[in-house]
Structures are given as C-alpha cells and as structure tokens.
Amino acid sequence: MLANYLIGLREGLEMALIVTILVAYVVKVGRRDVLSKLWVGVGIALIVPLGIGALLTWGPYGLSFEAQEIVGGTLSLIAVGFVTWMIFWMGRTARSMKSTLQNRLDSVLVGAGWGVVILAMLSVGREGIETALFVWATVASIGGGWEPVIGAVLGLVTAAVLGFLLYRGMLKINLGSFFTWTGAFLILVAGGVLAYGIGDLQDAGVLPGSGVHAYDISGFIPASSWYGTALAGILNFNPSPTWLQVVGWIGYIAVVTFFYVRQHRAAHARPAAGPAPKPSEAAPSTASHTAVHS
C-alpha cells in the first residue's frame, strides 16, 4: 500500500504541477475564456487511465493461463520501462517544464483556443496512463487486493490537495528533494515488478528457468506473515525467486541506479558551472506561490 501511495503521490503531484502551470499562465495572459476547455482536457486525461486500468484488470480473464501469464509479464515489463523513463524524464526536463508548457500554450491560444483541450489532455494524460499501468503491475505482482488501489487513490488525493495549496501559495515544498528521493524508491519498486514480470514469462514458457530457484528463505520470511506481506507490498519481495529473476533484479537496480546517480550529480553540478537560469526557466524544484505564477 505504501509503494502505491508514493506512486500516486509522485505522479499525482506531477499532474498537479502541470495543471497549476497551465491554469496560472492562462489567467496571467488574460484568457480565462479557455479555462473551461482546459478543464475538459484534464477531465478526459483522467478518464482514459481509469478505462485502461479496468481493461487491464478484467480484460484477460477469458484467456488461458499461459496467455494471461504472457499478457501480465509483458505489461509488467512495459510498466517498468514507463516508470524508468518517467524517473529520468523528470530529472532531465524539470528545469524547463514551466517554460516548455508556456510556450506550447502560446501556440494553442490562437482564436477560440480549442488546442488547449489537446494540450491539457496530452500533458496530464501521459502521467495518468503511466500511473494506471504501474499501479496495475504492482497490484498484480502481489496477488491483487484493494489495499494497493486504495493506497494509490490516497496518494492522488494527497497530491491534488498539495497542488491546490501550492497554487494558493499556502505551502512550500522542496520538489527537487521530493522527486529525487521518490525516484530512488521507485527504482526499487520497479526492480520488483521486473522480477515479477520475468516470473510470469517463465511460467508461460516464454523464458527458461521456471521452477529453478536461486534460494528459498520462506522459512525465515514467510510470504503469509505480516512482514512478508509488507515487503511484498512495498518492494514486491519474493522469498524464493528464480535465478533469472535475481539476475534481472540485480542488473536493473545496478544499471538504473548508476545512471540515476550520475544524472543527479550532473544536474547539481550544472548550475555551478554555467550561468544562472532565467526566472522563466526555473525548475519547479523550489515550488512556491511565486514560482507557479511567475
């Protein structure tokens, strides 16, 4: 539940920041007449992920066991790819997110401004689809249940409240630190989802090594125990993984962590080496009322 809460909180806060920037800029340039169109785009962007989540949850039930395992394993790998891309995308584009969205708004505010619907739908929808796919993968990896879904919903609700408070200038958050630490945590979660996806594909016969376990510590950490359940819910812990799952998990964590740390260090070294960014290009990492409205 905690893992999905953080997923919902992180992705929801990204969506809230995007919406806040769009709304603030539309108000600033005096185009309140397109606010309704902007909210239509946001509404569509929120409905689509719900449909995708429902399709992923109930769609495969009519398939054979092997087909279900192939679908589940493949979608888990896709979810890992999405969340990995999202982690690095935020680190790469955070400093220019605000100016990029404003420039795109300038190009779609021509005439009646119907392009705002598409801009809002695409900008927010991408985050929503990533959230739906990754939450589904984490829920599937621990065998279902409503707790992970509730955790994700609570995370999204918290993000919506924080976004409103940021917009009103009632709250200040160091978003740089927030996204850095949640990104590191999501790498661990994604590693567990990757191992789960590999296991599904092994059960379906797509990958070799099914049933050949690297170790079995279920006697020390039973999957049915409260701490085993907690580890499974947070990190997708498996007490008896196969060799391929272990290799995949270690390889993913090692490679992604290396590049993540390198990107983080480069981002901190860049301001010291070059000129200070213009106010209009400032990152949302020091979120405040003025940062949102400027």
C-alpha atoms as a PDB file:
ATOM      1  CA  MET A   1       0.000   0.000   0.000  1.00  0.00           C
ATOM      2  CA  LEU A   2       2.860   2.388   0.823  1.00  0.00           C
ATOM      3  CA  ALA A   3       4.527   1.828  -2.547  1.00  0.00           C
ATOM      4  CA  ASN A   4       1.325   2.598  -4.427  1.00  0.00           C
ATOM      5  CA  TYR A   5       0.652   5.595  -2.193  1.00  0.00           C
ATOM      6  CA  LEU A   6       4.030   7.047  -3.164  1.00  0.00           C
ATOM      7  CA  ILE A   7       3.432   6.215  -6.822  1.00  0.00           C
ATOM      8  CA  GLY A   8       0.090   8.005  -6.705  1.00  0.00           C
ATOM      9  CA  LEU A   9       1.596  10.909  -4.760  1.00  0.00           C
ATOM     10  CA  ARG A  10       4.546  11.382  -7.111  1.00  0.00           C
ATOM     11  CA  GLU A  11       2.616  11.010 -10.359  1.00  0.00           C
ATOM     12  CA  GLY A  12      -0.313  12.976  -8.977  1.00  0.00           C
ATOM     13  CA  LEU A  13       1.959  15.810  -7.930  1.00  0.00           C
ATOM     14  CA  GLU A  14       3.473  15.908 -11.408  1.00  0.00           C
ATOM     15  CA  MET A  15      -0.039  16.162 -12.859  1.00  0.00           C
ATOM     16  CA  ALA A  16      -0.986  18.818 -10.292  1.00  0.00           C
ATOM     17  CA  LEU A  17       2.094  20.895 -11.172  1.00  0.00           C
ATOM     18  CA  ILE A  18       1.301  20.678 -14.882  1.00  0.00           C
ATOM     19  CA  VAL A  19      -2.312  21.744 -14.328  1.00  0.00           C
ATOM     20  CA  THR A  20      -1.216  24.537 -11.980  1.00  0.00           C
ATOM     21  CA  ILE A  21       1.253  25.912 -14.510  1.00  0.00           C
ATOM     22  CA  LEU A  22      -1.328  25.778 -17.308  1.00  0.00           C
ATOM     23  CA  VAL A  23      -4.069  27.437 -15.247  1.00  0.00           C
ATOM     24  CA  ALA A  24      -1.772  30.129 -13.857  1.00  0.00           C
ATOM     25  CA  TYR A  25      -0.453  31.061 -17.289  1.00  0.00           C
ATOM     26  CA  VAL A  26      -3.902  31.175 -18.895  1.00  0.00           C
ATOM     27  CA  VAL A  27      -5.048  33.518 -16.123  1.00  0.00           C
ATOM     28  CA  LYS A  28      -1.896  35.600 -16.410  1.00  0.00           C
ATOM     29  CA  VAL A  29      -2.329  36.261 -20.146  1.00  0.00           C
ATOM     30  CA  GLY A  30      -5.994  37.148 -19.687  1.00  0.00           C
ATOM     31  CA  ARG A  31      -7.527  34.116 -21.427  1.00  0.00           C
ATOM     32  CA  ARG A  32      -9.915  32.964 -18.727  1.00  0.00           C
ATOM     33  CA  ASP A  33     -12.320  32.136 -21.532  1.00  0.00           C
ATOM     34  CA  VAL A  34     -10.338  28.954 -22.302  1.00  0.00           C
ATOM     35  CA  LEU A  35     -10.244  27.688 -18.712  1.00  0.00           C
ATOM     36  CA  SER A  36     -13.324  25.534 -19.323  1.00  0.00           C
ATOM     37  CA  LYS A  37     -11.602  23.948 -22.335  1.00  0.00           C
ATOM     38  CA  LEU A  38      -8.506  23.329 -20.271  1.00  0.00           C
ATOM     39  CA  TRP A  39     -10.546  21.505 -17.636  1.00  0.00           C
ATOM     40  CA  VAL A  40     -12.266  19.449 -20.343  1.00  0.00           C
ATOM     41  CA  GLY A  41      -8.837  18.265 -21.471  1.00  0.00           C
ATOM     42  CA  VAL A  42      -7.835  17.468 -17.893  1.00  0.00           C
ATOM     43  CA  GLY A  43     -11.080  15.544 -17.364  1.00  0.00           C
ATOM     44  CA  ILE A  44     -10.507  13.418 -20.472  1.00  0.00           C
ATOM     45  CA  ALA A  45      -6.926  12.812 -19.359  1.00  0.00           C
ATOM     46  CA  LEU A  46      -8.186  11.447 -16.037  1.00  0.00           C
ATOM     47  CA  ILE A  47     -10.926   9.253 -17.520  1.00  0.00           C
ATOM     48  CA  VAL A  48      -8.678   7.455 -20.032  1.00  0.00           C
ATOM     49  CA  PRO A  49      -6.349   5.909 -17.385  1.00  0.00           C
ATOM     50  CA  LEU A  50      -9.391   4.619 -15.474  1.00  0.00           C
ATOM     51  CA  GLY A  51     -10.572   2.839 -18.621  1.00  0.00           C
ATOM     52  CA  ILE A  52      -7.109   1.394 -19.193  1.00  0.00           C
ATOM     53  CA  GLY A  53      -6.962   0.182 -15.592  1.00  0.00           C
ATOM     54  CA  ALA A  54     -10.361  -1.518 -15.928  1.00  0.00           C
ATOM     55  CA  LEU A  55      -9.339  -3.141 -19.208  1.00  0.00           C
ATOM     56  CA  LEU A  56      -6.102  -4.469 -17.726  1.00  0.00           C
ATOM     57  CA  THR A  57      -7.897  -5.765 -14.627  1.00  0.00           C
ATOM     58  CA  TRP A  58     -10.840  -7.581 -16.208  1.00  0.00           C
ATOM     59  CA  GLY A  59      -9.805  -7.999 -19.844  1.00  0.00           C
ATOM     60  CA  PRO A  60      -7.511 -11.056 -19.559  1.00  0.00           C
ATOM     61  CA  TYR A  61      -9.947 -13.233 -17.557  1.00  0.00           C
ATOM     62  CA  GLY A  62     -11.207 -15.075 -20.634  1.00  0.00           C
ATOM     63  CA  LEU A  63      -7.691 -16.077 -21.719  1.00  0.00           C
ATOM     64  CA  SER A  64      -5.862 -19.313 -20.994  1.00  0.00           C
ATOM     65  CA  PHE A  65      -3.362 -19.490 -18.129  1.00  0.00           C
ATOM     66  CA  GLU A  66      -0.376 -19.219 -20.464  1.00  0.00           C
ATOM     67  CA  ALA A  67      -1.910 -16.270 -22.288  1.00  0.00           C
ATOM     68  CA  GLN A  68      -2.683 -14.494 -19.014  1.00  0.00           C
ATOM     69  CA  GLU A  69       0.908 -15.002 -17.858  1.00  0.00           C
ATOM     70  CA  ILE A  70       2.267 -13.670 -21.151  1.00  0.00           C
ATOM     71  CA  VAL A  71      -0.002 -10.614 -21.009  1.00  0.00           C
ATOM     72  CA  GLY A  72       0.800  -9.990 -17.358  1.00  0.00           C
ATOM     73  CA  GLY A  73       4.538 -10.444 -17.799  1.00  0.00           C
ATOM     74  CA  THR A  74       4.716  -8.301 -20.912  1.00  0.00           C
ATOM     75  CA  LEU A  75       2.693  -5.471 -19.365  1.00  0.00           C
ATOM     76  CA  SER A  76       4.857  -5.614 -16.246  1.00  0.00           C
ATOM     77  CA  LEU A  77       7.979  -5.116 -18.370  1.00  0.00           C
ATOM     78  CA  ILE A  78       6.265  -2.246 -20.211  1.00  0.00           C
ATOM     79  CA  ALA A  79       5.304  -0.682 -16.871  1.00  0.00           C
ATOM     80  CA  VAL A  80       8.927  -0.891 -15.721  1.00  0.00           C
ATOM     81  CA  GLY A  81      10.012   0.782 -18.950  1.00  0.00           C
ATOM     82  CA  PHE A  82       7.451   3.573 -18.479  1.00  0.00           C
ATOM     83  CA  VAL A  83       8.353   4.314 -14.878  1.00  0.00           C
ATOM     84  CA  THR A  84      12.088   4.207 -15.621  1.00  0.00           C
ATOM     85  CA  TRP A  85      11.617   6.655 -18.476  1.00  0.00           C
ATOM     86  CA  MET A  86       9.454   8.843 -16.236  1.00  0.00           C
ATOM     87  CA  ILE A  87      12.097   8.991 -13.499  1.00  0.00           C
ATOM     88  CA  PHE A  88      14.818  10.121 -15.900  1.00  0.00           C
ATOM     89  CA  TRP A  89      12.457  12.403 -17.842  1.00  0.00           C
ATOM     90  CA  MET A  90      11.619  14.371 -14.714  1.00  0.00           C
ATOM     91  CA  GLY A  91      15.287  14.741 -13.841  1.00  0.00           C
ATOM     92  CA  ARG A  92      16.118  15.925 -17.362  1.00  0.00           C
ATOM     93  CA  THR A  93      13.224  18.297 -18.040  1.00  0.00           C
ATOM     94  CA  ALA A  94      12.238  19.642 -14.608  1.00  0.00           C
ATOM     95  CA  ARG A  95      14.184  22.860 -15.129  1.00  0.00           C
ATOM     96  CA  SER A  96      12.448  23.648 -18.399  1.00  0.00           C
ATOM     97  CA  MET A  97       8.981  22.204 -17.709  1.00  0.00           C
ATOM     98  CA  LYS A  98       7.400  25.549 -16.925  1.00  0.00           C
ATOM     99  CA  SER A  99       8.773  27.427 -19.932  1.00  0.00           C
ATOM    100  CA  THR A 100       8.033  24.487 -22.237  1.00  0.00           C
ATOM    101  CA  LEU A 101       4.376  24.329 -21.189  1.00  0.00           C
ATOM    102  CA  GLN A 102       4.013  28.102 -21.501  1.00  0.00           C
ATOM    103  CA  ASN A 103       5.499  28.089 -24.990  1.00  0.00           C
ATOM    104  CA  ARG A 104       3.124  25.335 -26.037  1.00  0.00           C
ATOM    105  CA  LEU A 105       0.222  27.276 -24.559  1.00  0.00           C
ATOM    106  CA  ASP A 106       1.196  30.343 -26.577  1.00  0.00           C
ATOM    107  CA  SER A 107       0.905  28.294 -29.758  1.00  0.00           C
ATOM    108  CA  VAL A 108      -2.567  26.877 -28.950  1.00  0.00           C
ATOM    109  CA  LEU A 109      -4.194  30.024 -27.508  1.00  0.00           C
ATOM    110  CA  VAL A 110      -4.913  31.278 -31.007  1.00  0.00           C
ATOM    111  CA  GLY A 111      -8.565  32.037 -31.733  1.00  0.00           C
ATOM    112  CA  ALA A 112     -11.031  30.093 -29.625  1.00  0.00           C
ATOM    113  CA  GLY A 113      -8.198  28.138 -28.023  1.00  0.00           C
ATOM    114  CA  TRP A 114      -9.528  24.634 -28.646  1.00  0.00           C
ATOM    115  CA  GLY A 115      -5.950  23.421 -28.850  1.00  0.00           C
ATOM    116  CA  VAL A 116      -5.841  23.859 -25.073  1.00  0.00           C
ATOM    117  CA  VAL A 117      -8.036  20.761 -24.774  1.00  0.00           C
ATOM    118  CA  ILE A 118      -5.485  18.631 -26.619  1.00  0.00           C
ATOM    119  CA  LEU A 119      -2.523  20.165 -24.790  1.00  0.00           C
ATOM    120  CA  ALA A 120      -4.060  19.541 -21.369  1.00  0.00           C
ATOM    121  CA  MET A 121      -5.181  16.052 -22.366  1.00  0.00           C
ATOM    122  CA  LEU A 122      -1.725  15.007 -23.600  1.00  0.00           C
ATOM    123  CA  SER A 123       0.271  16.719 -20.835  1.00  0.00           C
ATOM    124  CA  VAL A 124      -1.789  15.260 -17.998  1.00  0.00           C
ATOM    125  CA  GLY A 125      -2.846  12.030 -19.726  1.00  0.00           C
ATOM    126  CA  ARG A 126       0.704  10.753 -20.114  1.00  0.00           C
ATOM    127  CA  GLU A 127       1.199  10.853 -16.352  1.00  0.00           C
ATOM    128  CA  GLY A 128      -2.182   9.223 -15.765  1.00  0.00           C
ATOM    129  CA  ILE A 129      -1.505   6.321 -18.139  1.00  0.00           C
ATOM    130  CA  GLU A 130       1.894   5.710 -16.541  1.00  0.00           C
ATOM    131  CA  THR A 131       0.240   5.661 -13.129  1.00  0.00           C
ATOM    132  CA  ALA A 132      -2.511   3.248 -14.194  1.00  0.00           C
ATOM    133  CA  LEU A 133      -0.077   0.818 -15.813  1.00  0.00           C
ATOM    134  CA  PHE A 134       2.446   0.801 -12.982  1.00  0.00           C
ATOM    135  CA  VAL A 135      -0.162   0.549 -10.230  1.00  0.00           C
ATOM    136  CA  TRP A 136      -1.773  -2.359 -12.087  1.00  0.00           C
ATOM    137  CA  ALA A 137       1.609  -4.088 -12.361  1.00  0.00           C
ATOM    138  CA  THR A 138       2.352  -3.672  -8.646  1.00  0.00           C
ATOM    139  CA  VAL A 139      -1.135  -4.895  -7.702  1.00  0.00           C
ATOM    140  CA  ALA A 140      -0.777  -7.942  -9.965  1.00  0.00           C
ATOM    141  CA  SER A 141       2.671  -8.738  -8.562  1.00  0.00           C
ATOM    142  CA  ILE A 142       1.338  -9.133  -5.011  1.00  0.00           C
ATOM    143  CA  GLY A 143      -1.761 -11.090  -5.994  1.00  0.00           C
ATOM    144  CA  GLY A 144      -4.422  -8.392  -6.101  1.00  0.00           C
ATOM    145  CA  GLY A 145      -6.485  -6.903  -3.308  1.00  0.00           C
ATOM    146  CA  TRP A 146      -7.908  -3.443  -2.775  1.00  0.00           C
ATOM    147  CA  GLU A 147      -5.214  -2.138  -0.428  1.00  0.00           C
ATOM    148  CA  PRO A 148      -2.753  -1.138  -3.194  1.00  0.00           C
ATOM    149  CA  VAL A 149      -5.536   0.574  -5.151  1.00  0.00           C
ATOM    150  CA  ILE A 150      -6.648   2.463  -2.051  1.00  0.00           C
ATOM    151  CA  GLY A 151      -3.038   3.486  -1.462  1.00  0.00           C
ATOM    152  CA  ALA A 152      -2.730   4.868  -4.998  1.00  0.00           C
ATOM    153  CA  VAL A 153      -6.022   6.760  -4.691  1.00  0.00           C
ATOM    154  CA  LEU A 154      -4.955   8.273  -1.365  1.00  0.00           C
ATOM    155  CA  GLY A 155      -1.680   9.327  -2.974  1.00  0.00           C
ATOM    156  CA  LEU A 156      -3.530  11.032  -5.829  1.00  0.00           C
ATOM    157  CA  VAL A 157      -5.881  12.789  -3.408  1.00  0.00           C
ATOM    158  CA  THR A 158      -2.931  13.990  -1.323  1.00  0.00           C
ATOM    159  CA  ALA A 159      -1.240  15.260  -4.482  1.00  0.00           C
ATOM    160  CA  ALA A 160      -4.380  17.160  -5.502  1.00  0.00           C
ATOM    161  CA  VAL A 161      -4.543  18.853  -2.090  1.00  0.00           C
ATOM    162  CA  LEU A 162      -0.837  19.737  -2.210  1.00  0.00           C
ATOM    163  CA  GLY A 163      -1.226  21.103  -5.730  1.00  0.00           C
ATOM    164  CA  PHE A 164      -4.072  23.368  -4.636  1.00  0.00           C
ATOM    165  CA  LEU A 165      -2.095  24.607  -1.626  1.00  0.00           C
ATOM    166  CA  LEU A 166       0.942  25.285  -3.824  1.00  0.00           C
ATOM    167  CA  TYR A 167      -1.193  27.229  -6.294  1.00  0.00           C
ATOM    168  CA  ARG A 168      -2.661  29.334  -3.500  1.00  0.00           C
ATOM    169  CA  GLY A 169       0.785  29.992  -2.053  1.00  0.00           C
ATOM    170  CA  MET A 170      -0.185  28.370   1.241  1.00  0.00           C
ATOM    171  CA  LEU A 171       2.549  25.737   1.082  1.00  0.00           C
ATOM    172  CA  LYS A 172       6.175  25.463   0.006  1.00  0.00           C
ATOM    173  CA  ILE A 173       7.810  22.135  -0.820  1.00  0.00           C
ATOM    174  CA  ASN A 174      11.310  21.352  -1.994  1.00  0.00           C
ATOM    175  CA  LEU A 175      10.130  19.413  -5.024  1.00  0.00           C
ATOM    176  CA  GLY A 176      13.695  18.729  -6.110  1.00  0.00           C
ATOM    177  CA  SER A 177      14.336  16.646  -2.987  1.00  0.00           C
ATOM    178  CA  PHE A 178      10.872  15.102  -3.184  1.00  0.00           C
ATOM    179  CA  PHE A 179      11.308  13.826  -6.751  1.00  0.00           C
ATOM    180  CA  THR A 180      14.900  12.742  -6.076  1.00  0.00           C
ATOM    181  CA  TRP A 181      14.038  10.511  -3.124  1.00  0.00           C
ATOM    182  CA  THR A 182      10.779   9.138  -4.545  1.00  0.00           C
ATOM    183  CA  GLY A 183      12.612   8.406  -7.797  1.00  0.00           C
ATOM    184  CA  ALA A 184      15.198   6.357  -5.885  1.00  0.00           C
ATOM    185  CA  PHE A 185      12.431   4.464  -4.094  1.00  0.00           C
ATOM    186  CA  LEU A 186      10.567   3.774  -7.342  1.00  0.00           C
ATOM    187  CA  ILE A 187      13.716   2.200  -8.781  1.00  0.00           C
ATOM    188  CA  LEU A 188      13.482  -0.442  -6.029  1.00  0.00           C
ATOM    189  CA  VAL A 189       9.764  -0.944  -6.678  1.00  0.00           C
ATOM    190  CA  ALA A 190      10.327  -1.202 -10.430  1.00  0.00           C
ATOM    191  CA  GLY A 191      13.035  -3.804  -9.841  1.00  0.00           C
ATOM    192  CA  GLY A 192      10.489  -5.950  -8.011  1.00  0.00           C
ATOM    193  CA  VAL A 193       7.919  -5.505 -10.795  1.00  0.00           C
ATOM    194  CA  LEU A 194      10.569  -6.503 -13.341  1.00  0.00           C
ATOM    195  CA  ALA A 195      11.325  -9.687 -11.400  1.00  0.00           C
ATOM    196  CA  TYR A 196       7.594 -10.438 -11.228  1.00  0.00           C
ATOM    197  CA  GLY A 197       7.220  -9.950 -14.986  1.00  0.00           C
ATOM    198  CA  ILE A 198      10.138 -12.286 -15.625  1.00  0.00           C
ATOM    199  CA  GLY A 199       8.489 -14.888 -13.396  1.00  0.00           C
ATOM    200  CA  ASP A 200       5.221 -14.627 -15.339  1.00  0.00           C
ATOM    201  CA  LEU A 201       7.014 -15.130 -18.649  1.00  0.00           C
ATOM    202  CA  GLN A 202       8.874 -18.100 -17.166  1.00  0.00           C
ATOM    203  CA  ASP A 203       5.597 -19.668 -16.017  1.00  0.00           C
ATOM    204  CA  ALA A 204       4.241 -19.226 -19.545  1.00  0.00           C
ATOM    205  CA  GLY A 205       7.300 -20.923 -21.029  1.00  0.00           C
ATOM    206  CA  VAL A 206       8.461 -17.815 -22.875  1.00  0.00           C
ATOM    207  CA  LEU A 207      11.622 -17.567 -20.741  1.00  0.00           C
ATOM    208  CA  PRO A 208      13.618 -20.538 -19.400  1.00  0.00           C
ATOM    209  CA  GLY A 209      14.374 -21.401 -15.800  1.00  0.00           C
ATOM    210  CA  SER A 210      10.902 -21.789 -14.326  1.00  0.00           C
ATOM    211  CA  GLY A 211      10.968 -23.700 -11.054  1.00  0.00           C
ATOM    212  CA  VAL A 212      14.745 -23.390 -10.631  1.00  0.00           C
ATOM    213  CA  HIS A 213      15.029 -21.210  -7.545  1.00  0.00           C
ATOM    214  CA  ALA A 214      18.178 -19.304  -6.644  1.00  0.00           C
ATOM    215  CA  TYR A 215      17.322 -19.582  -2.945  1.00  0.00           C
ATOM    216  CA  ASP A 216      14.350 -20.101  -0.658  1.00  0.00           C
ATOM    217  CA  ILE A 217      14.096 -18.071   2.546  1.00  0.00           C
ATOM    218  CA  SER A 218      10.366 -18.573   3.000  1.00  0.00           C
ATOM    219  CA  GLY A 219      11.172 -20.347   6.273  1.00  0.00           C
ATOM    220  CA  PHE A 220      12.654 -17.120   7.651  1.00  0.00           C
ATOM    221  CA  ILE A 221      10.328 -14.674   5.894  1.00  0.00           C
ATOM    222  CA  PRO A 222       7.037 -16.473   5.164  1.00  0.00           C
ATOM    223  CA  ALA A 223       5.044 -14.824   2.397  1.00  0.00           C
ATOM    224  CA  SER A 224       1.916 -15.072   4.563  1.00  0.00           C
ATOM    225  CA  SER A 225       3.488 -13.288   7.559  1.00  0.00           C
ATOM    226  CA  TRP A 226       2.788  -9.628   8.222  1.00  0.00           C
ATOM    227  CA  TYR A 227       6.372  -8.644   7.467  1.00  0.00           C
ATOM    228  CA  GLY A 228       6.459 -10.826   4.359  1.00  0.00           C
ATOM    229  CA  THR A 229       3.240  -9.210   3.182  1.00  0.00           C
ATOM    230  CA  ALA A 230       4.632  -5.755   3.958  1.00  0.00           C
ATOM    231  CA  LEU A 231       7.831  -6.417   1.998  1.00  0.00           C
ATOM    232  CA  ALA A 232       5.809  -7.817  -0.900  1.00  0.00           C
ATOM    233  CA  GLY A 233       3.506  -4.791  -0.893  1.00  0.00           C
ATOM    234  CA  ILE A 234       6.317  -2.250  -0.716  1.00  0.00           C
ATOM    235  CA  LEU A 235       9.155  -3.837  -2.702  1.00  0.00           C
ATOM    236  CA  ASN A 236       7.464  -6.819  -4.423  1.00  0.00           C
ATOM    237  CA  PHE A 237       9.638  -9.111  -2.297  1.00  0.00           C
ATOM    238  CA  ASN A 238       9.755 -12.785  -3.333  1.00  0.00           C
ATOM    239  CA  PRO A 239      11.256 -15.246  -0.800  1.00  0.00           C
ATOM    240  CA  SER A 240      12.003 -17.878  -3.474  1.00  0.00           C
ATOM    241  CA  PRO A 241      12.895 -16.235  -6.800  1.00  0.00           C
ATOM    242  CA  THR A 242      14.374 -17.981  -9.811  1.00  0.00           C
ATOM    243  CA  TRP A 243      17.935 -17.335 -10.960  1.00  0.00           C
ATOM    244  CA  LEU A 244      16.726 -15.258 -13.889  1.00  0.00           C
ATOM    245  CA  GLN A 245      14.608 -13.109 -11.569  1.00  0.00           C
ATOM    246  CA  VAL A 246      17.592 -12.494  -9.283  1.00  0.00           C
ATOM    247  CA  VAL A 247      19.868 -11.608 -12.194  1.00  0.00           C
ATOM    248  CA  GLY A 248      17.208  -9.334 -13.693  1.00  0.00           C
ATOM    249  CA  TRP A 249      16.576  -7.582 -10.369  1.00  0.00           C
ATOM    250  CA  ILE A 250      20.259  -7.033  -9.558  1.00  0.00           C
ATOM    251  CA  GLY A 251      21.072  -5.947 -13.113  1.00  0.00           C
ATOM    252  CA  TYR A 252      18.193  -3.471 -13.269  1.00  0.00           C
ATOM    253  CA  ILE A 253      18.912  -1.935  -9.854  1.00  0.00           C
ATOM    254  CA  ALA A 254      22.642  -1.636 -10.550  1.00  0.00           C
ATOM    255  CA  VAL A 255      22.367  -0.122 -14.041  1.00  0.00           C
ATOM    256  CA  VAL A 256      19.467   2.251 -13.358  1.00  0.00           C
ATOM    257  CA  THR A 257      20.905   3.417 -10.030  1.00  0.00           C
ATOM    258  CA  PHE A 258      24.259   4.167 -11.679  1.00  0.00           C
ATOM    259  CA  PHE A 259      22.711   6.382 -14.353  1.00  0.00           C
ATOM    260  CA  TYR A 260      20.266   7.921 -11.876  1.00  0.00           C
ATOM    261  CA  VAL A 261      23.060   8.996  -9.528  1.00  0.00           C
ATOM    262  CA  ARG A 262      25.097  10.281 -12.465  1.00  0.00           C
ATOM    263  CA  GLN A 263      22.170  12.348 -13.744  1.00  0.00           C
ATOM    264  CA  HIS A 264      21.518  13.713 -10.263  1.00  0.00           C
ATOM    265  CA  ARG A 265      25.153  14.752  -9.808  1.00  0.00           C
ATOM    266  CA  ALA A 266      25.262  16.347 -13.259  1.00  0.00           C
ATOM    267  CA  ALA A 267      22.095  18.323 -12.514  1.00  0.00           C
ATOM    268  CA  HIS A 268      23.638  19.715  -9.321  1.00  0.00           C
ATOM    269  CA  ALA A 269      26.967  20.498 -10.979  1.00  0.00           C
ATOM    270  CA  ARG A 270      25.416  22.302 -13.979  1.00  0.00           C
ATOM    271  CA  PRO A 271      24.286  25.486 -12.161  1.00  0.00           C
ATOM    272  CA  ALA A 272      27.731  25.917 -10.634  1.00  0.00           C
ATOM    273  CA  ALA A 273      29.465  25.519 -13.978  1.00  0.00           C
ATOM    274  CA  GLY A 274      27.191  27.704 -16.078  1.00  0.00           C
ATOM    275  CA  PRO A 275      25.166  30.894 -15.801  1.00  0.00           C
ATOM    276  CA  ALA A 276      22.147  31.014 -13.559  1.00  0.00           C
ATOM    277  CA  PRO A 277      18.920  30.037 -15.309  1.00  0.00           C
ATOM    278  CA  LYS A 278      16.477  32.731 -16.273  1.00  0.00           C
ATOM    279  CA  PRO A 279      13.473  33.154 -13.959  1.00  0.00           C
ATOM    280  CA  SER A 280      11.165  31.904 -16.695  1.00  0.00           C
ATOM    281  CA  GLU A 281      13.171  28.674 -16.949  1.00  0.00           C
ATOM    282  CA  ALA A 282      13.435  27.968 -13.246  1.00  0.00           C
ATOM    283  CA  ALA A 283      12.682  24.451 -12.201  1.00  0.00           C
ATOM    284  CA  PRO A 284       9.635  23.600 -10.119  1.00  0.00           C
ATOM    285  CA  SER A 285      12.078  22.164  -7.606  1.00  0.00           C
ATOM    286  CA  THR A 286      11.657  25.094  -5.226  1.00  0.00           C
ATOM    287  CA  ALA A 287       7.929  25.245  -5.573  1.00  0.00           C
ATOM    288  CA  SER A 288       6.331  28.323  -4.128  1.00  0.00           C
ATOM    289  CA  HIS A 289       3.459  30.608  -4.938  1.00  0.00           C
ATOM    290  CA  THR A 290       5.670  32.924  -6.970  1.00  0.00           C
ATOM    291  CA  ALA A 291       7.312  30.049  -8.848  1.00  0.00           C
ATOM    292  CA  VAL A 292       3.931  28.868 -10.039  1.00  0.00           C
ATOM    293  CA  HIS A 293       2.549  32.233 -11.001  1.00  0.00           C
ATOM    294  CA  SER A 294       5.606  33.925 -12.456  1.00  0.00           C
END
